[in-house]
Amino acid sequence: MNEKQARQLLRTADEDEPVLLTPAVLQKLDVSDVQDGCGFQIGQIKGGVHHLDWNGTVYRRGSALVGEADHTWTRKYWYSPIGLEQYLDLIRRAVEARQRSSGDTEVSYQDDDGAYVALRFEITTAETNLSKAYHAVRRVAEQVEEAASDASDEVGKRIAEIAARLSGWGSLSLDALVDVVENASNNQAKGRSLEELCARLFETVAGMTVTQRILTETEEIDISLKRQR
């Protein structure tokens, strides 16, 4: 997609259907290229499917650009250790706190129909270039969402620690664990001991958070590492 093609898409955009733009073309466009009330998303089309870089839309509201972050999840495929309602409530609280301190965020939509839970919030930016506005919106969204993500990680870590204690995790020294890994009688015992050894070694690194046994829609992750900023 080039600059000319992007402008053509934005000129013919419908308020109910955001335009999909590639990241590379944003730098050459500004708010005047977007029709008031219309919006755009960032990503690419691969195999006829939209692959978004960010789950949200940037709209023009009068002379300003406003990003709307979209958190719409289904309970069926929610695997975080913290409940879906609790997770989105934390995001809502963070949005409201930032609104009081900075005045640039606002919850725009909430709904719970039983199967799906949705929360959307808007972020206003003073940037007029589409690329700068998009990145400014992303930064604020990540800051707002960080507290909820940290809380979810903390809950997951506590659950994993309890499960680990019940399984005897931590009862052996690191040297003893190395011996167990080397002399394990079967792959299952070797894998469990190696998992514990790796996790406990990484926990000795300052600022490193280790979470064990994370279930996702498609797989089980033995250990997850996160470096605190």
Protein backbone atom coordinates (compact mmCIF):
# COMPACT_ATOMS: atom_id res chain seq x y z
CA MET A 1 0.00 0.00 0.00
CA ASN A 2 1.31 3.44 -0.94
CA GLU A 3 0.34 6.97 0.14
CA LYS A 4 -2.05 7.49 -2.77
CA GLN A 5 -3.90 4.24 -2.15
CA ALA A 6 -4.19 5.01 1.56
CA ARG A 7 -5.67 8.46 0.91
CA GLN A 8 -8.18 6.97 -1.52
CA LEU A 9 -9.30 4.46 1.08
CA LEU A 10 -9.68 7.17 3.71
CA ARG A 11 -11.66 9.43 1.33
CA THR A 12 -14.18 6.68 0.63
CA ALA A 13 -14.34 5.36 4.19
CA ASP A 14 -17.61 4.62 5.96
CA GLU A 15 -18.16 5.61 9.58
CA ASP A 16 -19.21 2.06 10.43
CA GLU A 17 -16.25 0.34 8.75
CA PRO A 18 -12.68 1.34 9.71
CA VAL A 19 -10.07 1.39 6.94
CA LEU A 20 -7.11 -0.98 7.27
CA LEU A 21 -3.76 0.82 6.77
CA THR A 22 -0.25 -0.59 6.87
CA PRO A 23 2.18 0.85 9.46
CA ALA A 24 4.63 2.09 6.83
CA VAL A 25 2.18 4.50 5.21
CA LEU A 26 1.07 6.29 8.40
CA GLN A 27 4.02 8.68 8.55
CA LYS A 28 2.90 10.33 5.26
CA LEU A 29 -0.66 11.01 6.42
CA ASP A 30 -2.25 13.42 8.87
CA VAL A 31 -5.63 14.18 10.41
CA SER A 32 -6.79 16.11 7.33
CA ASP A 33 -6.68 12.87 5.32
CA VAL A 34 -9.28 11.25 7.60
CA GLN A 35 -12.97 12.10 7.31
CA ASP A 36 -14.57 13.31 10.51
CA GLY A 37 -16.23 10.39 12.27
CA CYS A 38 -14.31 7.76 10.31
CA GLY A 39 -11.48 5.61 11.56
CA PHE A 40 -8.61 3.33 10.63
CA GLN A 41 -6.94 0.23 11.99
CA ILE A 42 -3.33 -0.84 11.61
CA GLY A 43 -2.26 -4.14 10.14
CA GLN A 44 -2.11 -6.20 6.96
CA ILE A 45 -4.28 -8.59 4.98
CA LYS A 46 -2.81 -12.08 4.77
CA GLY A 47 -4.71 -14.83 3.01
CA GLY A 48 -7.82 -12.69 2.99
CA VAL A 49 -7.71 -12.26 6.78
CA HIS A 50 -7.08 -8.97 8.61
CA HIS A 51 -4.09 -9.23 10.96
CA LEU A 52 -4.14 -6.24 13.30
CA ASP A 53 -1.04 -4.81 14.96
CA TRP A 54 -3.25 -3.40 17.72
CA ASN A 55 -6.73 -4.41 18.82
CA GLY A 56 -8.25 -0.97 18.46
CA THR A 57 -9.23 1.81 16.06
CA VAL A 58 -8.10 5.42 15.63
CA TYR A 59 -10.91 7.85 14.77
CA ARG A 60 -11.11 11.49 13.79
CA ARG A 61 -13.31 13.46 16.18
CA GLY A 62 -13.53 17.02 14.88
CA SER A 63 -9.93 18.20 14.60
CA ALA A 64 -8.54 15.56 16.97
CA LEU A 65 -7.46 11.94 16.61
CA VAL A 66 -8.84 9.54 19.21
CA GLY A 67 -7.81 5.92 19.68
CA GLU A 68 -10.29 3.37 20.99
CA ALA A 69 -8.78 0.26 22.59
CA ASP A 70 -11.03 -2.80 22.33
CA HIS A 71 -11.07 -5.55 24.95
CA THR A 72 -13.74 -8.01 23.86
CA TRP A 73 -13.23 -11.51 25.20
CA THR A 74 -15.22 -14.70 25.49
CA ARG A 75 -15.32 -16.61 28.76
CA LYS A 76 -14.93 -19.87 26.86
CA TYR A 77 -11.39 -19.02 25.76
CA TRP A 78 -10.23 -16.98 28.74
CA TYR A 79 -7.26 -18.73 30.38
CA SER A 80 -5.78 -16.06 32.63
CA PRO A 81 -5.57 -16.98 36.34
CA ILE A 82 -7.55 -13.86 37.21
CA GLY A 83 -11.23 -13.86 36.21
CA LEU A 84 -12.27 -12.06 33.02
CA GLU A 85 -14.63 -9.72 34.87
CA GLN A 86 -11.94 -8.89 37.44
CA TYR A 87 -9.33 -8.27 34.72
CA LEU A 88 -11.54 -5.84 32.81
CA ASP A 89 -12.59 -4.16 36.04
CA LEU A 90 -8.93 -3.44 36.77
CA ILE A 91 -8.52 -1.90 33.32
CA ARG A 92 -11.67 0.20 33.85
CA ARG A 93 -10.35 1.46 37.18
CA ALA A 94 -6.99 2.34 35.58
CA VAL A 95 -8.77 4.26 32.79
CA GLU A 96 -10.81 6.21 35.33
CA ALA A 97 -7.71 6.98 37.41
CA ARG A 98 -5.89 8.32 34.36
CA GLN A 99 -8.94 10.34 33.39
CA ARG A 100 -8.79 12.07 36.77
CA SER A 101 -5.05 12.74 36.53
CA SER A 102 -4.54 13.46 32.81
CA GLY A 103 -8.00 13.87 31.28
CA ASP A 104 -7.13 11.99 28.08
CA THR A 105 -8.92 8.66 28.61
CA GLU A 106 -12.54 7.62 28.98
CA VAL A 107 -14.49 4.36 29.06
CA SER A 108 -16.58 4.36 25.88
CA TYR A 109 -18.41 1.01 26.05
CA GLN A 110 -19.11 -1.83 28.48
CA ASP A 111 -21.22 -4.95 28.01
CA ASP A 112 -21.59 -8.47 29.37
CA ASP A 113 -23.97 -10.73 27.45
CA GLY A 114 -23.01 -13.89 29.29
CA ALA A 115 -20.73 -15.42 26.67
CA TYR A 116 -18.73 -12.28 25.89
CA VAL A 117 -17.49 -9.44 28.06
CA ALA A 118 -16.50 -6.18 26.37
CA LEU A 119 -14.73 -3.04 27.49
CA ARG A 120 -13.61 -0.25 25.18
CA PHE A 121 -11.90 2.97 26.17
CA GLU A 122 -10.87 6.07 24.23
CA ILE A 123 -7.55 7.90 24.31
CA THR A 124 -7.32 11.45 22.98
CA THR A 125 -4.03 12.71 21.55
CA ALA A 126 -2.85 16.13 20.39
CA GLU A 127 -0.79 14.56 17.59
CA THR A 128 -2.02 15.23 14.05
CA ASN A 129 0.33 12.95 12.11
CA LEU A 130 -1.25 9.48 11.91
CA SER A 131 1.93 7.63 12.83
CA LYS A 132 2.69 9.83 15.84
CA ALA A 133 -0.94 9.70 16.96
CA TYR A 134 -1.06 5.93 16.65
CA HIS A 135 2.08 5.41 18.71
CA ALA A 136 0.96 7.96 21.32
CA VAL A 137 -2.35 6.09 21.69
CA ARG A 138 -0.55 2.75 21.97
CA ARG A 139 1.73 4.06 24.72
CA VAL A 140 -1.17 5.26 26.84
CA ALA A 141 -3.14 2.04 26.26
CA GLU A 142 -0.16 -0.06 27.37
CA GLN A 143 0.29 2.05 30.50
CA VAL A 144 -3.38 1.67 31.40
CA GLU A 145 -3.35 -2.08 30.77
CA GLU A 146 -0.07 -2.71 32.59
CA ALA A 147 -1.61 -2.74 36.08
CA ALA A 148 -4.19 -5.35 35.07
CA SER A 149 -1.55 -7.50 33.40
CA ASP A 150 0.72 -7.27 36.45
CA ALA A 151 -2.16 -8.25 38.73
CA SER A 152 -2.95 -11.25 36.54
CA ASP A 153 0.71 -12.30 36.56
CA GLU A 154 0.84 -11.95 40.33
CA VAL A 155 -2.26 -14.10 40.84
CA GLY A 156 -0.86 -16.71 38.45
CA LYS A 157 2.41 -16.76 40.31
CA ARG A 158 0.71 -17.26 43.67
CA ILE A 159 -1.41 -20.13 42.32
CA ALA A 160 1.69 -21.72 40.78
CA GLU A 161 3.60 -21.34 44.06
CA ILE A 162 0.83 -23.12 46.01
CA ALA A 163 0.66 -25.90 43.44
CA ALA A 164 4.44 -26.20 43.48
CA ARG A 165 4.57 -26.51 47.26
CA LEU A 166 1.97 -29.28 47.14
CA SER A 167 4.19 -31.08 44.60
CA GLY A 168 7.32 -30.70 46.72
CA TRP A 169 8.73 -27.76 44.75
CA GLY A 170 11.61 -26.11 46.62
CA SER A 171 12.40 -29.05 48.89
CA LEU A 172 15.71 -29.75 47.11
CA SER A 173 18.78 -27.55 46.77
CA LEU A 174 19.88 -26.44 43.32
CA ASP A 175 22.80 -28.88 43.42
CA ALA A 176 20.42 -31.70 44.32
CA LEU A 177 18.11 -30.71 41.47
CA VAL A 178 20.99 -30.93 39.01
CA ASP A 179 21.65 -34.48 40.23
CA VAL A 180 17.96 -35.37 39.84
CA VAL A 181 17.91 -34.04 36.28
CA GLU A 182 21.01 -36.02 35.38
CA ASN A 183 19.85 -39.26 37.02
CA ALA A 184 16.06 -39.16 36.41
CA SER A 185 14.60 -42.59 35.70
CA ASN A 186 12.06 -41.35 33.13
CA ASN A 187 11.33 -38.35 30.91
CA GLN A 188 8.47 -37.09 33.09
CA ALA A 189 10.62 -36.91 36.22
CA LYS A 190 13.45 -35.36 34.24
CA GLY A 191 11.15 -32.75 32.71
CA ARG A 192 9.59 -31.72 36.03
CA SER A 193 12.97 -31.42 37.71
CA LEU A 194 14.44 -29.48 34.79
CA GLU A 195 11.43 -27.13 34.84
CA GLU A 196 11.95 -26.41 38.54
CA LEU A 197 15.70 -25.97 38.10
CA CYS A 198 15.26 -23.45 35.25
CA ALA A 199 12.57 -21.50 37.11
CA ARG A 200 14.56 -21.26 40.32
CA LEU A 201 17.72 -20.21 38.47
CA PHE A 202 15.88 -17.41 36.63
CA GLU A 203 14.30 -16.27 39.93
CA THR A 204 17.80 -15.44 41.16
CA VAL A 205 18.10 -12.77 38.43
CA ALA A 206 17.13 -9.33 39.77
CA GLY A 207 13.86 -8.05 38.33
CA MET A 208 12.90 -11.37 36.75
CA THR A 209 9.44 -12.82 37.41
CA VAL A 210 8.82 -16.50 36.74
CA THR A 211 5.36 -18.05 36.38
CA GLN A 212 4.81 -21.77 35.96
CA ARG A 213 2.11 -23.74 34.13
CA ILE A 214 0.21 -21.24 32.01
CA LEU A 215 -2.69 -22.62 29.96
CA THR A 216 -3.64 -20.93 26.68
CA GLU A 217 -6.23 -21.83 24.06
CA THR A 218 -3.76 -23.98 22.14
CA GLU A 219 -0.96 -25.00 24.49
CA GLU A 220 0.47 -25.30 28.00
CA ILE A 221 3.54 -23.21 28.77
CA ASP A 222 5.82 -24.76 31.41
CA ILE A 223 7.41 -21.50 32.56
CA SER A 224 6.93 -17.87 31.57
CA LEU A 225 9.62 -15.22 32.12
CA LYS A 226 8.94 -11.51 32.51
CA ARG A 227 11.55 -8.80 33.12
CA GLN A 228 10.24 -5.98 35.30
CA ARG A 229 10.73 -2.54 33.75
